[in-house]
């Protein structure tokens, strides 16, 4: 009988130990699951915060860039607002092709002469050739400053008459045949098509302010 009771007691003790071990294991599993869940939640929150911070930085940078672009556009526009497209063209042509384009300190004005189609190339020559189109002559006040005679194509390009001089020399004592031929060559040879590039607006404004129209 005592042996039987001892066996029963041992069985009950074993059952209790197994039950406690199972409960402890389940508790550990539950705690581990909770920790894993909390870790995932924290990782998700951190990732969300990181993405939000990146998005805010991008929006901040974009806003800053837009403000800079708007400021630049307003600044550029303000330099030319008082000049019309014709004046801006003259200034840009001289800025790109003029002999004194980089030395405006020595030039107080830029002379503009509009020459109509049919006008004599050299008024001193009786049988001078005539311009086949309207042209513009830009010239410095002094001969050393040079000149540019051109026609505009209206598409950002111009035709430069490179054989037209700053001014024609007195031809009264010259061979009439040669002087007539010189005027023909001036409008038929060495004509260059040039694309005028937009340049620094402040510099163009400075040139435009020096324009002086001639009769």
Protein backbone atom coordinates (compact mmCIF):
# COMPACT_ATOMS: atom_id res chain seq x y z
CA UNK A 1 0.00 0.00 0.00
CA UNK A 2 2.81 2.33 0.90
CA UNK A 3 4.47 1.57 -2.42
CA UNK A 4 1.25 2.32 -4.26
CA UNK A 5 0.89 5.64 -2.49
CA UNK A 6 4.51 6.47 -3.27
CA UNK A 7 4.01 5.72 -6.97
CA UNK A 8 0.88 7.88 -7.08
CA UNK A 9 2.73 10.70 -5.36
CA UNK A 10 5.58 10.48 -7.86
CA UNK A 11 3.15 10.52 -10.79
CA UNK A 12 1.36 13.56 -9.41
CA UNK A 13 4.67 15.36 -8.86
CA UNK A 14 5.76 14.61 -12.43
CA UNK A 15 2.46 15.87 -13.79
CA UNK A 16 2.78 19.08 -11.81
CA UNK A 17 6.35 19.62 -13.04
CA UNK A 18 5.33 19.08 -16.68
CA UNK A 19 2.41 21.45 -16.27
CA UNK A 20 4.62 24.13 -14.71
CA UNK A 21 7.24 23.71 -17.41
CA UNK A 22 4.63 23.99 -20.14
CA UNK A 23 3.15 27.09 -18.54
CA UNK A 24 6.57 28.68 -18.16
CA UNK A 25 7.44 27.88 -21.78
CA UNK A 26 4.13 29.30 -22.97
CA UNK A 27 4.74 32.41 -20.90
CA UNK A 28 8.20 32.83 -22.42
CA UNK A 29 6.76 32.32 -25.90
CA UNK A 30 4.09 34.93 -25.22
CA UNK A 31 6.69 37.37 -23.91
CA UNK A 32 8.91 36.72 -26.92
CA UNK A 33 5.94 37.26 -29.24
CA UNK A 34 5.09 40.50 -27.52
CA UNK A 35 8.72 41.68 -27.77
CA UNK A 36 8.84 40.73 -31.47
CA UNK A 37 5.57 42.54 -32.11
CA UNK A 38 6.79 45.60 -30.22
CA UNK A 39 10.08 45.52 -32.15
CA UNK A 40 8.24 45.37 -35.49
CA UNK A 41 5.96 48.19 -34.41
CA UNK A 42 8.92 50.34 -33.35
CA UNK A 43 10.72 49.57 -36.66
CA UNK A 44 7.60 50.54 -38.61
CA UNK A 45 7.25 53.77 -36.62
CA UNK A 46 10.93 54.64 -37.14
CA UNK A 47 10.66 53.90 -40.87
CA UNK A 48 7.55 56.06 -41.11
CA UNK A 49 9.30 58.90 -39.26
CA UNK A 50 12.36 58.56 -41.53
CA UNK A 51 10.21 58.65 -44.68
CA UNK A 52 8.28 61.63 -43.34
CA UNK A 53 11.53 63.46 -42.59
CA UNK A 54 12.85 62.73 -46.09
CA UNK A 55 9.61 63.95 -47.64
CA UNK A 56 9.74 67.15 -45.58
CA UNK A 57 13.36 67.73 -46.65
CA UNK A 58 12.46 67.20 -50.32
CA UNK A 59 9.53 69.60 -50.07
CA UNK A 60 11.71 72.14 -48.24
CA UNK A 61 14.44 71.88 -50.89
CA UNK A 62 11.90 72.16 -53.71
CA UNK A 63 10.36 75.24 -52.11
CA UNK A 64 13.83 76.79 -51.71
CA UNK A 65 14.73 76.02 -55.35
CA UNK A 66 11.43 77.45 -56.58
CA UNK A 67 12.03 80.62 -54.57
CA UNK A 68 15.54 80.95 -56.02
CA UNK A 69 14.26 80.38 -59.58
CA UNK A 70 11.48 82.92 -59.13
CA UNK A 71 13.93 85.43 -57.68
CA UNK A 72 16.33 84.91 -60.60
CA UNK A 73 13.53 85.22 -63.16
CA UNK A 74 12.28 88.43 -61.57
CA UNK A 75 15.81 89.84 -61.45
CA UNK A 76 16.48 89.00 -65.10
CA UNK A 77 13.16 90.42 -66.22
CA UNK A 78 13.63 93.66 -64.31
CA UNK A 79 16.88 94.43 -66.16
CA UNK A 80 15.10 94.51 -69.54
CA UNK A 81 11.61 95.66 -68.62
CA UNK A 82 12.22 99.22 -69.86
CA UNK A 83 13.50 98.11 -73.30
CA UNK A 84 11.58 96.78 -76.29
CA UNK A 85 12.52 93.71 -78.33
CA UNK A 86 14.17 95.85 -81.02
CA UNK A 87 16.48 97.56 -78.54
CA UNK A 88 17.34 94.25 -76.91
CA UNK A 89 18.20 92.80 -80.32
CA UNK A 90 20.58 95.67 -81.13
CA UNK A 91 22.30 95.30 -77.77
CA UNK A 92 22.64 91.53 -78.15
CA UNK A 93 24.00 91.78 -81.69
CA UNK A 94 26.64 94.26 -80.61
CA UNK A 95 27.43 92.27 -77.47
CA UNK A 96 28.14 89.19 -79.57
CA UNK A 97 29.78 90.71 -82.65
CA UNK A 98 30.88 94.24 -81.84
CA UNK A 99 34.63 94.99 -81.74
CA UNK A 100 34.21 96.84 -78.44
CA UNK A 101 31.79 94.36 -76.88
CA UNK A 102 34.12 93.82 -73.91
CA UNK A 103 35.19 97.44 -73.52
CA UNK A 104 32.05 99.52 -73.16
CA UNK A 105 33.77 101.88 -70.71
CA UNK A 106 35.38 103.62 -73.67
CA UNK A 107 32.09 103.96 -75.53
CA UNK A 108 29.42 106.34 -74.31
CA UNK A 109 26.90 105.49 -77.03
CA UNK A 110 26.04 102.90 -79.64
CA UNK A 111 24.72 104.51 -82.82
CA UNK A 112 21.78 102.89 -84.62
CA UNK A 113 20.98 103.70 -88.25
CA UNK A 114 17.98 102.09 -89.93
CA UNK A 115 18.44 101.74 -93.69
CA UNK A 116 15.42 101.00 -95.86
CA UNK A 117 15.26 98.53 -98.72
CA UNK A 118 16.25 100.23 -102.00
CA UNK A 119 18.67 102.67 -100.37
CA UNK A 120 22.02 103.12 -102.09
CA UNK A 121 24.79 101.09 -100.48
CA UNK A 122 27.16 104.02 -101.09
CA UNK A 123 25.31 107.33 -101.53
CA UNK A 124 28.43 108.88 -103.11
CA UNK A 125 28.33 106.53 -106.09
CA UNK A 126 25.93 107.47 -108.86
CA UNK A 127 25.19 103.93 -109.97
CA UNK A 128 25.58 102.32 -106.59
CA UNK A 129 23.91 99.01 -105.85
CA UNK A 130 20.97 99.23 -103.45
CA UNK A 131 20.11 97.18 -100.39
CA UNK A 132 17.75 94.32 -101.27
CA UNK A 133 16.15 94.44 -97.81
CA UNK A 134 15.83 96.61 -94.73
CA UNK A 135 19.06 96.64 -92.75
CA UNK A 136 20.37 98.11 -89.52
CA UNK A 137 23.81 99.58 -89.01
CA UNK A 138 25.25 99.59 -85.51
CA UNK A 139 28.39 101.63 -85.07
CA UNK A 140 30.67 103.01 -82.39
CA UNK A 141 31.16 106.80 -82.27
CA UNK A 142 34.73 106.36 -83.50
CA UNK A 143 35.93 104.40 -86.52
CA UNK A 144 38.26 102.29 -84.39
CA UNK A 145 35.17 100.97 -82.61
CA UNK A 146 33.89 99.42 -85.81
CA UNK A 147 30.39 98.78 -87.12
CA UNK A 148 27.96 95.97 -87.98
CA UNK A 149 25.50 96.12 -90.86
CA UNK A 150 22.88 93.38 -90.81
CA UNK A 151 19.32 92.33 -91.50
CA UNK A 152 17.16 90.38 -89.06
CA UNK A 153 15.43 87.15 -90.04
CA UNK A 154 13.00 87.31 -87.13
CA UNK A 155 13.98 83.86 -85.85
CA UNK A 156 16.98 84.69 -83.71
CA UNK A 157 19.37 84.79 -86.68
CA UNK A 158 20.73 87.71 -88.68
CA UNK A 159 22.51 88.22 -92.02
CA UNK A 160 25.71 90.19 -91.52
CA UNK A 161 26.99 92.22 -94.50
CA UNK A 162 30.67 91.93 -93.70
CA UNK A 163 31.85 93.89 -96.77
CA UNK A 164 30.03 97.07 -95.76
CA UNK A 165 32.66 99.36 -94.17
CA UNK A 166 32.35 101.69 -91.20
CA UNK A 167 32.03 104.49 -93.77
CA UNK A 168 32.79 104.79 -97.45
CA UNK A 169 35.85 106.78 -98.45
CA UNK A 170 35.52 109.71 -100.83
CA UNK A 171 35.10 108.19 -104.28
CA UNK A 172 35.06 111.40 -106.32
CA UNK A 173 38.55 110.71 -107.64
CA UNK A 174 38.11 106.95 -107.89
CA UNK A 175 37.37 104.78 -110.89
CA UNK A 176 33.58 104.72 -111.14
CA UNK A 177 33.55 101.15 -112.40
CA UNK A 178 35.46 99.91 -109.38
CA UNK A 179 33.35 101.83 -106.89
CA UNK A 180 30.14 100.52 -108.43
CA UNK A 181 31.46 96.98 -108.24
CA UNK A 182 32.43 97.51 -104.62
CA UNK A 183 28.85 98.37 -103.74
CA UNK A 184 27.59 95.27 -105.55
CA UNK A 185 30.10 93.10 -103.73
CA UNK A 186 29.05 94.62 -100.42
CA UNK A 187 25.55 93.15 -100.70
CA UNK A 188 26.32 89.93 -102.55
CA UNK A 189 29.57 88.59 -101.09
CA UNK A 190 30.78 87.66 -97.65
CA UNK A 191 27.32 87.65 -96.09
CA UNK A 192 27.24 85.57 -92.91
CA UNK A 193 24.20 84.06 -91.22
CA UNK A 194 24.69 84.30 -87.47
CA UNK A 195 22.57 82.99 -84.60
CA UNK A 196 22.36 85.56 -81.83
CA UNK A 197 22.52 83.95 -78.41
CA UNK A 198 20.70 85.31 -75.36
CA UNK A 199 23.29 86.66 -72.95
CA UNK A 200 23.51 88.22 -69.51
CA UNK A 201 20.52 90.50 -69.20
CA UNK A 202 22.28 93.06 -67.03
CA UNK A 203 25.00 93.47 -69.64
CA UNK A 204 22.41 93.73 -72.42
CA UNK A 205 20.56 96.39 -70.43
CA UNK A 206 23.77 98.41 -70.10
CA UNK A 207 24.29 98.25 -73.86
CA UNK A 208 20.65 99.08 -74.58
CA UNK A 209 20.95 102.18 -72.42
CA UNK A 210 23.69 103.49 -74.75
CA UNK A 211 21.64 103.28 -77.97
CA UNK A 212 21.39 106.50 -79.97
CA UNK A 213 19.27 106.56 -83.11
CA UNK A 214 20.71 108.34 -86.16
CA UNK A 215 18.78 109.89 -89.06
